Protein backbone atom coordinates (compact mmCIF):
# COMPACT_ATOMS: atom_id res chain seq x y z
CA MET A 1 -54.58 -85.09 51.91
CA GLU A 2 -54.25 -85.45 48.14
CA VAL A 3 -57.02 -87.16 46.15
CA VAL A 4 -56.33 -88.56 42.66
CA VAL A 5 -59.33 -89.69 40.59
CA THR A 6 -58.86 -91.67 37.37
CA GLY A 7 -61.32 -93.39 35.04
CA ARG A 8 -61.08 -96.37 32.69
CA HIS A 9 -63.57 -96.81 29.83
CA CYS A 10 -65.63 -93.93 31.19
CA GLU A 11 -65.58 -90.15 31.50
CA LEU A 12 -65.64 -88.55 34.94
CA THR A 13 -67.24 -85.14 35.36
CA ASP A 14 -65.76 -82.37 37.48
CA ARG A 15 -68.84 -82.64 39.69
CA PHE A 16 -68.12 -86.30 40.40
CA ARG A 17 -64.45 -85.57 41.10
CA SER A 18 -65.44 -82.88 43.59
CA HIS A 19 -67.90 -85.29 45.19
CA VAL A 20 -65.14 -87.91 45.56
CA GLU A 21 -62.78 -85.39 47.18
CA GLU A 22 -65.49 -84.32 49.64
CA LYS A 23 -66.35 -87.91 50.57
CA LEU A 24 -62.75 -89.10 50.93
CA SER A 25 -61.80 -86.16 53.12
CA LYS A 26 -63.85 -87.85 55.89
CA LEU A 27 -61.31 -90.68 56.04
CA GLU A 28 -58.88 -88.41 57.85
CA LYS A 29 -60.92 -88.73 61.05
CA HIS A 30 -60.14 -92.48 61.03
CA ASP A 31 -56.46 -92.15 60.13
CA HIS A 32 -54.81 -88.73 60.31
CA ARG A 33 -51.63 -90.14 58.74
CA ILE A 34 -53.16 -90.42 55.24
CA ILE A 35 -51.07 -88.68 52.59
CA ARG A 36 -52.87 -89.59 49.35
CA VAL A 37 -55.93 -91.57 48.23
CA ASN A 38 -56.25 -92.90 44.68
CA CYS A 39 -59.75 -93.49 43.34
CA GLU A 40 -59.90 -95.68 40.22
CA VAL A 41 -63.23 -96.01 38.41
CA GLU A 42 -63.74 -98.67 35.74
CA CYS A 43 -66.96 -99.01 33.76
CA GLU A 44 -68.31 -102.29 32.37
CA LYS A 45 -70.28 -101.90 29.14
CA ASN A 46 -71.72 -105.43 29.15
CA PRO A 47 -75.52 -105.06 29.65
CA ARG A 48 -75.60 -108.41 31.44
CA GLN A 49 -73.46 -106.86 34.16
CA ALA A 50 -75.75 -103.90 34.78
CA ASP A 51 -75.76 -104.40 38.56
CA ARG A 52 -71.95 -104.39 38.50
CA ALA A 53 -71.52 -101.77 35.79
CA VAL A 54 -69.02 -99.76 37.83
CA ARG A 55 -66.02 -101.12 39.71
CA LEU A 56 -64.38 -98.60 42.03
CA GLN A 57 -61.14 -99.13 43.94
CA LEU A 58 -59.74 -96.90 46.68
CA THR A 59 -56.07 -97.03 47.65
CA ALA A 60 -54.93 -95.02 50.67
CA PHE A 61 -51.24 -94.21 51.11
CA SER A 62 -50.11 -93.11 54.56
CA LYS A 63 -47.10 -93.25 56.87
CA GLY A 64 -48.25 -96.77 57.67
CA PRO A 65 -49.24 -99.68 55.40
CA VAL A 66 -51.25 -99.18 52.19
CA ILE A 67 -55.00 -99.75 52.58
CA ARG A 68 -57.26 -100.87 49.71
CA ALA A 69 -61.01 -101.25 49.33
CA GLU A 70 -63.03 -102.20 46.26
CA ALA A 71 -66.74 -102.27 45.41
CA CYS A 72 -69.02 -102.83 42.42
CA ALA A 73 -72.44 -101.26 41.85
CA ALA A 74 -74.85 -100.09 39.18
CA ASP A 75 -73.55 -96.50 39.26
CA LYS A 76 -70.48 -94.54 40.34
CA MET A 77 -72.07 -92.92 43.40
CA ALA A 78 -73.22 -96.23 44.86
CA ALA A 79 -69.86 -97.89 44.19
CA LEU A 80 -68.08 -94.97 45.90
CA ASP A 81 -70.27 -95.23 49.00
CA LEU A 82 -69.71 -98.99 49.26
CA ALA A 83 -65.95 -98.75 48.84
CA LEU A 84 -65.75 -95.85 51.27
CA ASP A 85 -67.68 -97.82 53.91
CA LYS A 86 -65.30 -100.76 53.50
CA MET A 87 -62.21 -98.59 53.83
CA ALA A 88 -63.57 -96.75 56.86
CA SER A 89 -64.41 -100.09 58.49
CA GLN A 90 -60.87 -101.38 57.87
CA MET A 91 -59.39 -98.22 59.35
CA ARG A 92 -61.63 -98.46 62.43
CA ARG A 93 -60.63 -102.10 63.01
CA ALA A 94 -56.96 -101.22 62.66
CA SER A 95 -57.40 -98.31 65.07
CA ASP A 96 -59.14 -100.61 67.56
CA ARG A 97 -56.29 -103.10 67.24
CA ARG A 98 -53.82 -100.37 68.16
CA ARG A 99 -55.83 -99.50 71.27
CA VAL A 100 -56.32 -103.05 72.52
CA HIS A 101 -53.49 -104.35 74.68
CA HIS A 102 -51.98 -107.43 73.08
CA GLY A 103 -52.13 -109.45 76.29
CA ARG A 104 -55.91 -109.11 76.59
CA HIS A 105 -56.66 -110.87 73.33
CA ASN A 106 -54.21 -113.68 72.84
CA PRO A 107 -54.65 -115.66 69.61
CA VAL A 108 -56.19 -119.09 69.95
CA SER A 109 -53.77 -121.94 69.43
CA VAL A 110 -54.18 -124.35 66.53
CA GLY A 111 -54.94 -127.18 68.97
CA GLU A 112 -57.80 -125.22 70.55
CA ALA A 113 -59.10 -124.14 67.16
CA LEU A 114 -59.24 -127.76 65.95
CA ALA A 115 -60.55 -129.22 69.23
CA GLY A 116 -63.74 -131.18 68.76
CA VAL A 117 -63.34 -131.47 65.02
CA ASP A 118 -63.93 -135.06 63.99
CA ASP A 119 -61.83 -136.76 61.37
CA ALA A 120 -63.39 -136.93 57.96
CA PRO A 121 -65.40 -140.13 57.48
CA GLU A 122 -63.98 -142.75 55.20
CA THR A 123 -65.70 -143.28 51.87
CA ASP A 124 -65.57 -145.90 49.17
CA ILE A 125 -65.41 -143.36 46.36
CA VAL A 126 -62.71 -144.24 43.85
CA THR A 127 -60.71 -141.30 42.52
CA HIS A 128 -57.97 -141.08 39.96
CA ASP A 129 -54.95 -138.85 39.56
CA ARG A 130 -54.25 -136.58 36.64
CA GLU A 131 -51.39 -134.28 35.78
CA VAL A 132 -51.98 -130.53 35.42
CA GLY A 133 -48.62 -129.05 34.53
CA PRO A 134 -46.17 -129.94 37.31
CA ILE A 135 -49.01 -130.73 39.77
CA SER A 136 -50.70 -134.07 40.34
CA VAL A 137 -54.44 -133.63 40.93
CA THR A 138 -56.76 -136.20 42.51
CA GLY A 139 -60.32 -136.30 41.19
CA ASP A 140 -62.12 -134.32 38.51
CA GLY A 141 -62.44 -131.00 40.33
CA PRO A 142 -61.21 -127.79 38.67
CA LEU A 143 -57.75 -126.51 39.52
CA VAL A 144 -56.82 -122.85 39.53
CA VAL A 145 -53.15 -122.07 40.13
CA ARG A 146 -52.21 -118.46 40.79
CA GLU A 147 -48.79 -117.62 42.09
CA LYS A 148 -47.84 -114.48 43.99
CA THR A 149 -44.53 -113.53 45.56
CA HIS A 150 -44.25 -110.74 48.13
CA PRO A 151 -41.26 -109.37 50.05
CA ALA A 152 -41.48 -110.56 53.66
CA ALA A 153 -39.83 -108.56 56.40
CA PRO A 154 -39.95 -110.46 59.73
CA MET A 155 -42.57 -109.03 62.08
CA THR A 156 -44.23 -109.71 65.43
CA LEU A 157 -47.64 -111.32 65.80
CA ASP A 158 -49.15 -107.99 66.82
CA GLN A 159 -47.79 -106.36 63.66
CA ALA A 160 -49.23 -109.17 61.55
CA LEU A 161 -52.67 -108.69 63.13
CA TYR A 162 -52.46 -104.97 62.41
CA GLU A 163 -51.51 -105.61 58.78
CA MET A 164 -54.36 -108.11 58.38
CA GLU A 165 -56.91 -105.57 59.63
CA LEU A 166 -55.60 -102.94 57.22
CA VAL A 167 -55.92 -105.09 54.12
CA GLY A 168 -59.33 -106.37 55.24
CA HIS A 169 -58.52 -110.06 54.81
CA ASP A 170 -59.44 -112.97 57.09
CA PHE A 171 -55.85 -114.23 57.17
CA TYR A 172 -52.30 -112.90 56.85
CA LEU A 173 -49.12 -114.79 55.92
CA TYR A 174 -45.92 -113.52 57.51
CA VAL A 175 -42.49 -114.49 58.89
CA ASP A 176 -42.43 -114.50 62.69
CA LYS A 177 -39.70 -112.22 64.02
CA GLU A 178 -38.99 -114.33 67.14
CA SER A 179 -39.08 -117.86 65.73
CA GLU A 180 -38.08 -116.89 62.14
CA ARG A 181 -40.70 -119.36 60.89
CA PRO A 182 -43.42 -118.76 58.29
CA ALA A 183 -46.81 -118.40 59.96
CA VAL A 184 -50.43 -117.52 59.19
CA VAL A 185 -52.72 -115.58 61.51
CA TYR A 186 -56.46 -115.84 60.78
CA ARG A 187 -59.66 -114.30 62.10
CA ARG A 188 -62.18 -116.49 63.91
CA ARG A 189 -64.97 -114.51 65.59
CA GLY A 190 -64.85 -110.95 66.86
CA TYR A 191 -61.38 -110.42 68.29
CA ASP A 192 -60.51 -114.13 68.40
CA TYR A 193 -57.61 -115.14 66.21
CA GLY A 194 -55.77 -118.34 65.38
CA VAL A 195 -52.14 -118.84 64.42
CA ILE A 196 -50.59 -121.59 62.31
CA SER A 197 -46.80 -121.74 62.07
CA LEU A 198 -44.47 -124.08 60.18
CA ASP A 199 -41.44 -125.82 61.68
CA VAL A 200 -39.25 -126.22 58.60
CA GLU A 201 -36.50 -127.95 60.60
CA ALA A 202 -38.71 -130.62 62.13
CA THR A 203 -37.91 -134.22 61.19
CA VAL A 204 -40.53 -136.85 60.54
């Protein structure tokens, strides 16, 4: 397994690089398919950010999907340990997902997930609309628009769950291979999952 260590706004000693290589070599016991791990260290010189002075990101490249983990701490060693723990946890969850038979842990339907949820109570609060670029916004709350576009190869629900565990997110947007519809799988508790899919051909 190849380890590449780079630094931004900080110098990295040979001792630290050796320490990183030794620590990251332990990831192979979680995923023997790892080919290369990039370790990027960025230092923040702002004294007000002393507890987050170092941001460290790990990116593991293997025969499967790319896995990333990031952590911030007061020093490089602490940030490395935190990021390493996160990546190891993601790899363990993905490994567990591969072992669990799909039929034993069926995702919870949207209807079951929303069962017992009461409708929001009506209020007499008066709101107004405002235009933020091409979007009409109701109320005075802040609006943050960030657009991302990713290539989407159709996949099965089991593949989507596996991908979600690898990236360490609580949800994963994908195109269902069977229905060819966009869908989102999300984590509830433990190994319980929910799925939301869109029927783009449905008529009102």
